[in-house]
Amino acid sequence: MPEIPNGNVVTEQLTAAGRAIEHDSFAVIDAEVGPQAFYTSAQWSIVRRMIHANADFDFNGLTDFHPDAVAAGLRAVLAGGAPVVADVEMICVGLSRPRLAHFGMATHQFISDADVIAQATAEGTTRAVQAMRQAHRHGLLDGAIVGIGNAPTALIELVRLIREEGVKPALVVGMPVGFVSAAESKDLMATVNEVPWIVIRGRKGGSTLVVAAIHALLGLAEAQERSSS
């Protein structure tokens, strides 16, 4: 296999041409971003991949990290087998299965389950709320990396589960996009001290950003894995 500049293999593009394009893109971002918000190098690797995913430099500054976010996420990934719980299927489809499989990880989402839809209808809530409750009933939230990119109500419900029912995800990647409760849900998540989080302030966000952030975290985990072997 041709040499890969940063030494990673599993979390890199599969072809030399693909790797070159991705790394050239990162170099362009580094050159054009201007002053970085006050990120550590590990945090910047996550923000940079998010910028790469959407070609939007606003994420330099809009992305906010709990002080333990990166370290907690790495611990969960490197421990092996941490579930990834998503609010929508798009996140599950977007995440690389080989990269997840390297760390024994699998994705879960319940937004289209028949009983989730029925319960949401009966209680007058959103499917996203009931999907988070379903994940909790299945025992998947504790120790999980939870990625929310679409539904603010899922993030609000997750905060409730953390505060009222003692749920303990390893890391919350809270990036719902939208105009109703999106900014507010992320601001609410950022008031949580018990669980580490990464959020995007304001209305911007989306499943693509969650996927980018988690892929960046997997890349950091592989680099740490290599350095300790």
C-alpha atoms as a PDB file:
ATOM      1  CA  MET A   1       0.000   0.000   0.000  1.00  0.00           C
ATOM      2  CA  PRO A   2       1.384   3.471  -0.817  1.00  0.00           C
ATOM      3  CA  GLU A   3       2.612   5.519   2.100  1.00  0.00           C
ATOM      4  CA  ILE A   4      -0.111   7.524   3.835  1.00  0.00           C
ATOM      5  CA  PRO A   5       1.140  10.895   5.082  1.00  0.00           C
ATOM      6  CA  ASN A   6      -0.254  10.717   8.596  1.00  0.00           C
ATOM      7  CA  GLY A   7       0.326   6.986   9.014  1.00  0.00           C
ATOM      8  CA  ASN A   8      -3.330   6.057   9.429  1.00  0.00           C
ATOM      9  CA  VAL A   9      -4.679   3.233   7.286  1.00  0.00           C
ATOM     10  CA  VAL A  10      -8.147   2.189   8.458  1.00  0.00           C
ATOM     11  CA  THR A  11      -9.546   5.716   8.742  1.00  0.00           C
ATOM     12  CA  GLU A  12      -8.111   7.008   5.452  1.00  0.00           C
ATOM     13  CA  GLN A  13      -9.492   7.010   1.912  1.00  0.00           C
ATOM     14  CA  LEU A  14      -8.929   3.644   0.214  1.00  0.00           C
ATOM     15  CA  THR A  15      -7.049   4.903  -2.852  1.00  0.00           C
ATOM     16  CA  ALA A  16      -3.973   7.080  -3.230  1.00  0.00           C
ATOM     17  CA  ALA A  17      -5.933   9.511  -5.403  1.00  0.00           C
ATOM     18  CA  GLY A  18      -8.676   9.820  -2.810  1.00  0.00           C
ATOM     19  CA  ARG A  19      -6.175  10.347  -0.015  1.00  0.00           C
ATOM     20  CA  ALA A  20      -4.375  13.032  -2.005  1.00  0.00           C
ATOM     21  CA  ILE A  21      -7.583  14.964  -2.667  1.00  0.00           C
ATOM     22  CA  GLU A  22      -8.645  14.785   0.979  1.00  0.00           C
ATOM     23  CA  HIS A  23      -5.281  15.880   2.336  1.00  0.00           C
ATOM     24  CA  ASP A  24      -4.981  18.651  -0.251  1.00  0.00           C
ATOM     25  CA  SER A  25      -8.425  19.838   0.873  1.00  0.00           C
ATOM     26  CA  PHE A  26      -7.286  19.900   4.484  1.00  0.00           C
ATOM     27  CA  ALA A  27      -4.241  21.921   3.445  1.00  0.00           C
ATOM     28  CA  VAL A  28      -6.471  24.456   1.669  1.00  0.00           C
ATOM     29  CA  ILE A  29      -8.628  24.758   4.792  1.00  0.00           C
ATOM     30  CA  ASP A  30      -5.569  25.294   6.991  1.00  0.00           C
ATOM     31  CA  ALA A  31      -4.312  27.980   4.595  1.00  0.00           C
ATOM     32  CA  GLU A  32      -7.617  29.828   4.230  1.00  0.00           C
ATOM     33  CA  VAL A  33      -9.243  29.530   7.629  1.00  0.00           C
ATOM     34  CA  GLY A  34      -7.595  32.569   9.151  1.00  0.00           C
ATOM     35  CA  PRO A  35      -7.344  32.801  12.943  1.00  0.00           C
ATOM     36  CA  GLN A  36      -8.616  29.607  14.538  1.00  0.00           C
ATOM     37  CA  ALA A  37     -10.983  29.759  17.450  1.00  0.00           C
ATOM     38  CA  PHE A  38      -9.329  28.571  20.642  1.00  0.00           C
ATOM     39  CA  TYR A  39      -9.129  24.885  19.727  1.00  0.00           C
ATOM     40  CA  THR A  40      -6.584  22.293  20.732  1.00  0.00           C
ATOM     41  CA  SER A  41      -4.937  20.420  17.863  1.00  0.00           C
ATOM     42  CA  ALA A  42      -7.280  17.462  18.407  1.00  0.00           C
ATOM     43  CA  GLN A  43     -10.344  19.700  18.469  1.00  0.00           C
ATOM     44  CA  TRP A  44      -9.147  21.442  15.311  1.00  0.00           C
ATOM     45  CA  SER A  45      -8.842  18.107  13.481  1.00  0.00           C
ATOM     46  CA  ILE A  46     -12.549  17.588  14.193  1.00  0.00           C
ATOM     47  CA  VAL A  47     -13.574  21.113  13.200  1.00  0.00           C
ATOM     48  CA  ARG A  48     -11.442  20.945  10.046  1.00  0.00           C
ATOM     49  CA  ARG A  49     -13.152  17.773   8.893  1.00  0.00           C
ATOM     50  CA  MET A  50     -16.522  19.407   9.545  1.00  0.00           C
ATOM     51  CA  ILE A  51     -15.491  22.379   7.398  1.00  0.00           C
ATOM     52  CA  HIS A  52     -14.351  19.923   4.735  1.00  0.00           C
ATOM     53  CA  ALA A  53     -17.751  18.216   4.775  1.00  0.00           C
ATOM     54  CA  ASN A  54     -19.723  21.416   4.128  1.00  0.00           C
ATOM     55  CA  ALA A  55     -17.166  23.894   2.743  1.00  0.00           C
ATOM     56  CA  ASP A  56     -18.301  26.262   5.480  1.00  0.00           C
ATOM     57  CA  PHE A  57     -15.665  28.099   7.486  1.00  0.00           C
ATOM     58  CA  ASP A  58     -18.302  29.265   9.980  1.00  0.00           C
ATOM     59  CA  PHE A  59     -17.754  26.054  11.898  1.00  0.00           C
ATOM     60  CA  ASN A  60     -14.471  27.577  12.999  1.00  0.00           C
ATOM     61  CA  GLY A  61     -15.969  29.320  16.001  1.00  0.00           C
ATOM     62  CA  LEU A  62     -19.477  27.852  15.974  1.00  0.00           C
ATOM     63  CA  THR A  63     -18.230  24.457  17.155  1.00  0.00           C
ATOM     64  CA  ASP A  64     -18.017  24.178  20.927  1.00  0.00           C
ATOM     65  CA  PHE A  65     -16.445  21.425  23.031  1.00  0.00           C
ATOM     66  CA  HIS A  66     -16.978  20.220  26.573  1.00  0.00           C
ATOM     67  CA  PRO A  67     -13.474  20.193  28.127  1.00  0.00           C
ATOM     68  CA  ASP A  68     -13.426  16.377  28.258  1.00  0.00           C
ATOM     69  CA  ALA A  69     -15.149  15.772  24.902  1.00  0.00           C
ATOM     70  CA  VAL A  70     -12.224  14.543  22.819  1.00  0.00           C
ATOM     71  CA  ALA A  71     -10.620  12.520  25.598  1.00  0.00           C
ATOM     72  CA  ALA A  72     -13.928  10.882  26.514  1.00  0.00           C
ATOM     73  CA  GLY A  73     -14.710  10.079  22.899  1.00  0.00           C
ATOM     74  CA  LEU A  74     -11.286   8.527  22.416  1.00  0.00           C
ATOM     75  CA  ARG A  75     -11.645   6.434  25.554  1.00  0.00           C
ATOM     76  CA  ALA A  76     -14.963   5.094  24.305  1.00  0.00           C
ATOM     77  CA  VAL A  77     -13.651   4.287  20.830  1.00  0.00           C
ATOM     78  CA  LEU A  78     -10.417   2.687  22.002  1.00  0.00           C
ATOM     79  CA  ALA A  79     -12.193   0.585  24.626  1.00  0.00           C
ATOM     80  CA  GLY A  80     -13.929  -1.191  21.757  1.00  0.00           C
ATOM     81  CA  GLY A  81     -17.575  -1.973  21.181  1.00  0.00           C
ATOM     82  CA  ALA A  82     -19.091   1.402  22.019  1.00  0.00           C
ATOM     83  CA  PRO A  83     -22.474   1.746  20.315  1.00  0.00           C
ATOM     84  CA  VAL A  84     -23.209   4.721  18.098  1.00  0.00           C
ATOM     85  CA  VAL A  85     -26.810   5.838  18.645  1.00  0.00           C
ATOM     86  CA  ALA A  86     -28.167   8.222  16.015  1.00  0.00           C
ATOM     87  CA  ASP A  87     -31.362  10.207  15.724  1.00  0.00           C
ATOM     88  CA  VAL A  88     -31.771   9.363  12.024  1.00  0.00           C
ATOM     89  CA  GLU A  89     -30.714   6.650   9.602  1.00  0.00           C
ATOM     90  CA  MET A  90     -28.699   9.125   7.519  1.00  0.00           C
ATOM     91  CA  ILE A  91     -25.967   9.181  10.162  1.00  0.00           C
ATOM     92  CA  CYS A  92     -25.806   5.390  10.252  1.00  0.00           C
ATOM     93  CA  VAL A  93     -25.542   5.216   6.458  1.00  0.00           C
ATOM     94  CA  GLY A  94     -22.910   7.951   6.323  1.00  0.00           C
ATOM     95  CA  LEU A  95     -20.532   6.390   8.824  1.00  0.00           C
ATOM     96  CA  SER A  96     -17.900   4.057   7.385  1.00  0.00           C
ATOM     97  CA  ARG A  97     -18.630   0.480   8.390  1.00  0.00           C
ATOM     98  CA  PRO A  98     -15.003  -0.680   8.028  1.00  0.00           C
ATOM     99  CA  ARG A  99     -13.807   2.190  10.225  1.00  0.00           C
ATOM    100  CA  LEU A 100     -16.407   1.402  12.870  1.00  0.00           C
ATOM    101  CA  ALA A 101     -15.750  -2.338  12.626  1.00  0.00           C
ATOM    102  CA  HIS A 102     -12.051  -1.769  13.336  1.00  0.00           C
ATOM    103  CA  PHE A 103     -13.104  -0.575  16.787  1.00  0.00           C
ATOM    104  CA  GLY A 104     -15.888  -3.128  17.215  1.00  0.00           C
ATOM    105  CA  MET A 105     -18.549  -0.435  16.912  1.00  0.00           C
ATOM    106  CA  ALA A 106     -22.030  -0.601  15.375  1.00  0.00           C
ATOM    107  CA  THR A 107     -24.755   1.960  14.706  1.00  0.00           C
ATOM    108  CA  HIS A 108     -28.318   2.048  16.008  1.00  0.00           C
ATOM    109  CA  GLN A 109     -31.343   4.194  15.180  1.00  0.00           C
ATOM    110  CA  PHE A 110     -35.030   3.705  15.953  1.00  0.00           C
ATOM    111  CA  ILE A 111     -36.770   6.608  14.233  1.00  0.00           C
ATOM    112  CA  SER A 112     -38.813   4.376  11.897  1.00  0.00           C
ATOM    113  CA  ASP A 113     -39.667   1.573  14.317  1.00  0.00           C
ATOM    114  CA  ALA A 114     -43.384   0.850  14.278  1.00  0.00           C
ATOM    115  CA  ASP A 115     -43.703   1.042  18.054  1.00  0.00           C
ATOM    116  CA  VAL A 116     -41.804   4.347  18.117  1.00  0.00           C
ATOM    117  CA  ILE A 117     -44.228   5.816  15.589  1.00  0.00           C
ATOM    118  CA  ALA A 118     -47.215   4.447  17.476  1.00  0.00           C
ATOM    119  CA  GLN A 119     -46.008   5.801  20.813  1.00  0.00           C
ATOM    120  CA  ALA A 120     -45.265   9.218  19.327  1.00  0.00           C
ATOM    121  CA  THR A 121     -48.762   9.346  17.878  1.00  0.00           C
ATOM    122  CA  ALA A 122     -50.365   8.234  21.135  1.00  0.00           C
ATOM    123  CA  GLU A 123     -48.436  10.717  23.298  1.00  0.00           C
ATOM    124  CA  GLY A 124     -48.382  13.625  20.865  1.00  0.00           C
ATOM    125  CA  THR A 125     -44.583  13.717  20.804  1.00  0.00           C
ATOM    126  CA  THR A 126     -42.081  13.437  17.977  1.00  0.00           C
ATOM    127  CA  ARG A 127     -40.671  10.167  16.727  1.00  0.00           C
ATOM    128  CA  ALA A 128     -37.232  11.492  17.689  1.00  0.00           C
ATOM    129  CA  VAL A 129     -38.239  11.742  21.354  1.00  0.00           C
ATOM    130  CA  GLN A 130     -39.563   8.199  21.372  1.00  0.00           C
ATOM    131  CA  ALA A 131     -36.494   6.935  19.498  1.00  0.00           C
ATOM    132  CA  MET A 132     -34.224   8.209  22.272  1.00  0.00           C
ATOM    133  CA  ARG A 133     -36.461   6.527  24.832  1.00  0.00           C
ATOM    134  CA  GLN A 134     -36.329   3.327  22.786  1.00  0.00           C
ATOM    135  CA  ALA A 135     -32.524   3.443  22.761  1.00  0.00           C
ATOM    136  CA  HIS A 136     -32.619   3.872  26.543  1.00  0.00           C
ATOM    137  CA  ARG A 137     -34.975   0.909  26.952  1.00  0.00           C
ATOM    138  CA  HIS A 138     -32.550  -1.200  24.920  1.00  0.00           C
ATOM    139  CA  GLY A 139     -29.700  -0.169  27.213  1.00  0.00           C
ATOM    140  CA  LEU A 140     -27.761   1.466  24.399  1.00  0.00           C
ATOM    141  CA  LEU A 141     -27.252   5.011  25.672  1.00  0.00           C
ATOM    142  CA  ASP A 142     -24.899   4.341  28.575  1.00  0.00           C
ATOM    143  CA  GLY A 143     -21.352   4.402  27.236  1.00  0.00           C
ATOM    144  CA  ALA A 144     -22.517   5.297  23.742  1.00  0.00           C
ATOM    145  CA  ILE A 145     -21.473   7.960  21.313  1.00  0.00           C
ATOM    146  CA  VAL A 146     -24.785   9.646  20.567  1.00  0.00           C
ATOM    147  CA  GLY A 147     -25.007  11.562  17.290  1.00  0.00           C
ATOM    148  CA  ILE A 148     -27.922  13.932  16.728  1.00  0.00           C
ATOM    149  CA  GLY A 149     -27.929  15.890  13.479  1.00  0.00           C
ATOM    150  CA  ASN A 150     -31.547  16.293  12.506  1.00  0.00           C
ATOM    151  CA  ALA A 151     -33.975  16.423  15.417  1.00  0.00           C
ATOM    152  CA  PRO A 152     -33.703  19.061  18.154  1.00  0.00           C
ATOM    153  CA  THR A 153     -36.368  17.212  20.139  1.00  0.00           C
ATOM    154  CA  ALA A 154     -34.060  14.179  20.293  1.00  0.00           C
ATOM    155  CA  LEU A 155     -31.334  16.289  21.874  1.00  0.00           C
ATOM    156  CA  ILE A 156     -33.752  17.898  24.328  1.00  0.00           C
ATOM    157  CA  GLU A 157     -35.039  14.464  25.313  1.00  0.00           C
ATOM    158  CA  LEU A 158     -31.492  13.168  25.712  1.00  0.00           C
ATOM    159  CA  VAL A 159     -30.733  16.003  28.123  1.00  0.00           C
ATOM    160  CA  ARG A 160     -33.848  15.036  30.103  1.00  0.00           C
ATOM    161  CA  LEU A 161     -32.737  11.391  30.187  1.00  0.00           C
ATOM    162  CA  ILE A 162     -29.294  12.425  31.424  1.00  0.00           C
ATOM    163  CA  ARG A 163     -30.649  14.693  34.152  1.00  0.00           C
ATOM    164  CA  GLU A 164     -33.735  12.805  35.270  1.00  0.00           C
ATOM    165  CA  GLU A 165     -32.882   9.162  34.600  1.00  0.00           C
ATOM    166  CA  GLY A 166     -29.120   9.153  35.018  1.00  0.00           C
ATOM    167  CA  VAL A 167     -28.262   8.146  31.462  1.00  0.00           C
ATOM    168  CA  LYS A 168     -24.501   8.394  30.829  1.00  0.00           C
ATOM    169  CA  PRO A 169     -23.411   8.470  27.185  1.00  0.00           C
ATOM    170  CA  ALA A 170     -19.664   8.550  26.661  1.00  0.00           C
ATOM    171  CA  LEU A 171     -20.036  11.511  24.293  1.00  0.00           C
ATOM    172  CA  VAL A 172     -22.879  13.470  22.713  1.00  0.00           C
ATOM    173  CA  VAL A 173     -22.300  14.931  19.241  1.00  0.00           C
ATOM    174  CA  GLY A 174     -25.253  17.332  19.226  1.00  0.00           C
ATOM    175  CA  MET A 175     -25.623  19.128  15.896  1.00  0.00           C
ATOM    176  CA  PRO A 176     -29.304  19.319  14.902  1.00  0.00           C
ATOM    177  CA  VAL A 177     -30.019  21.760  12.092  1.00  0.00           C
ATOM    178  CA  GLY A 178     -33.089  23.927  11.750  1.00  0.00           C
ATOM    179  CA  PHE A 179     -35.186  26.905  12.737  1.00  0.00           C
ATOM    180  CA  VAL A 180     -37.381  25.567  15.552  1.00  0.00           C
ATOM    181  CA  SER A 181     -35.543  24.703  18.784  1.00  0.00           C
ATOM    182  CA  ALA A 182     -32.291  23.776  17.001  1.00  0.00           C
ATOM    183  CA  ALA A 183     -30.146  26.516  18.516  1.00  0.00           C
ATOM    184  CA  GLU A 184     -31.936  26.201  21.845  1.00  0.00           C
ATOM    185  CA  SER A 185     -31.423  22.436  22.040  1.00  0.00           C
ATOM    186  CA  LYS A 186     -27.669  22.809  21.542  1.00  0.00           C
ATOM    187  CA  ASP A 187     -27.452  25.597  24.081  1.00  0.00           C
ATOM    188  CA  LEU A 188     -29.285  23.304  26.500  1.00  0.00           C
ATOM    189  CA  MET A 189     -26.865  20.445  25.837  1.00  0.00           C
ATOM    190  CA  ALA A 190     -23.977  22.805  26.530  1.00  0.00           C
ATOM    191  CA  THR A 191     -25.283  23.377  30.069  1.00  0.00           C
ATOM    192  CA  VAL A 192     -24.783  19.688  30.871  1.00  0.00           C
ATOM    193  CA  ASN A 193     -21.730  18.985  32.997  1.00  0.00           C
ATOM    194  CA  GLU A 194     -22.301  15.296  33.643  1.00  0.00           C
ATOM    195  CA  VAL A 195     -21.694  14.122  30.068  1.00  0.00           C
ATOM    196  CA  PRO A 196     -19.140  15.395  27.520  1.00  0.00           C
ATOM    197  CA  TRP A 197     -20.489  16.949  24.332  1.00  0.00           C
ATOM    198  CA  ILE A 198     -19.605  18.594  21.040  1.00  0.00           C
ATOM    199  CA  VAL A 199     -22.174  21.073  19.723  1.00  0.00           C
ATOM    200  CA  ILE A 200     -22.582  23.620  16.942  1.00  0.00           C
ATOM    201  CA  ARG A 201     -23.997  26.895  18.199  1.00  0.00           C
ATOM    202  CA  GLY A 202     -26.895  28.446  16.312  1.00  0.00           C
ATOM    203  CA  ARG A 203     -29.092  27.045  13.561  1.00  0.00           C
ATOM    204  CA  LYS A 204     -26.451  25.305  11.475  1.00  0.00           C
ATOM    205  CA  GLY A 205     -25.767  21.596  11.740  1.00  0.00           C
ATOM    206  CA  GLY A 206     -26.918  18.386  10.136  1.00  0.00           C
ATOM    207  CA  SER A 207     -26.197  14.703   9.859  1.00  0.00           C
ATOM    208  CA  THR A 208     -23.230  15.312   7.559  1.00  0.00           C
ATOM    209  CA  LEU A 209     -21.521  17.261  10.338  1.00  0.00           C
ATOM    210  CA  VAL A 210     -22.128  14.505  12.881  1.00  0.00           C
ATOM    211  CA  VAL A 211     -20.621  11.954  10.494  1.00  0.00           C
ATOM    212  CA  ALA A 212     -17.612  14.197   9.883  1.00  0.00           C
ATOM    213  CA  ALA A 213     -17.029  14.721  13.600  1.00  0.00           C
ATOM    214  CA  ILE A 214     -17.224  11.002  14.374  1.00  0.00           C
ATOM    215  CA  HIS A 215     -14.951  10.112  11.453  1.00  0.00           C
ATOM    216  CA  ALA A 216     -12.431  12.643  12.740  1.00  0.00           C
ATOM    217  CA  LEU A 217     -12.650  11.063  16.189  1.00  0.00           C
ATOM    218  CA  LEU A 218     -12.022   7.630  14.685  1.00  0.00           C
ATOM    219  CA  GLY A 219      -8.977   9.015  12.902  1.00  0.00           C
ATOM    220  CA  LEU A 220      -7.622  10.407  16.154  1.00  0.00           C
ATOM    221  CA  ALA A 221      -8.276   7.051  17.818  1.00  0.00           C
ATOM    222  CA  GLU A 222      -6.362   5.162  15.144  1.00  0.00           C
ATOM    223  CA  ALA A 223      -3.421   7.552  15.468  1.00  0.00           C
ATOM    224  CA  GLN A 224      -3.385   7.042  19.237  1.00  0.00           C
ATOM    225  CA  GLU A 225      -3.698   3.307  18.754  1.00  0.00           C
ATOM    226  CA  ARG A 226      -0.654   3.304  16.473  1.00  0.00           C
ATOM    227  CA  SER A 227       1.413   5.497  18.779  1.00  0.00           C
ATOM    228  CA  SER A 228       0.855   3.154  21.713  1.00  0.00           C
ATOM    229  CA  SER A 229       1.526  -0.090  19.822  1.00  0.00           C
END
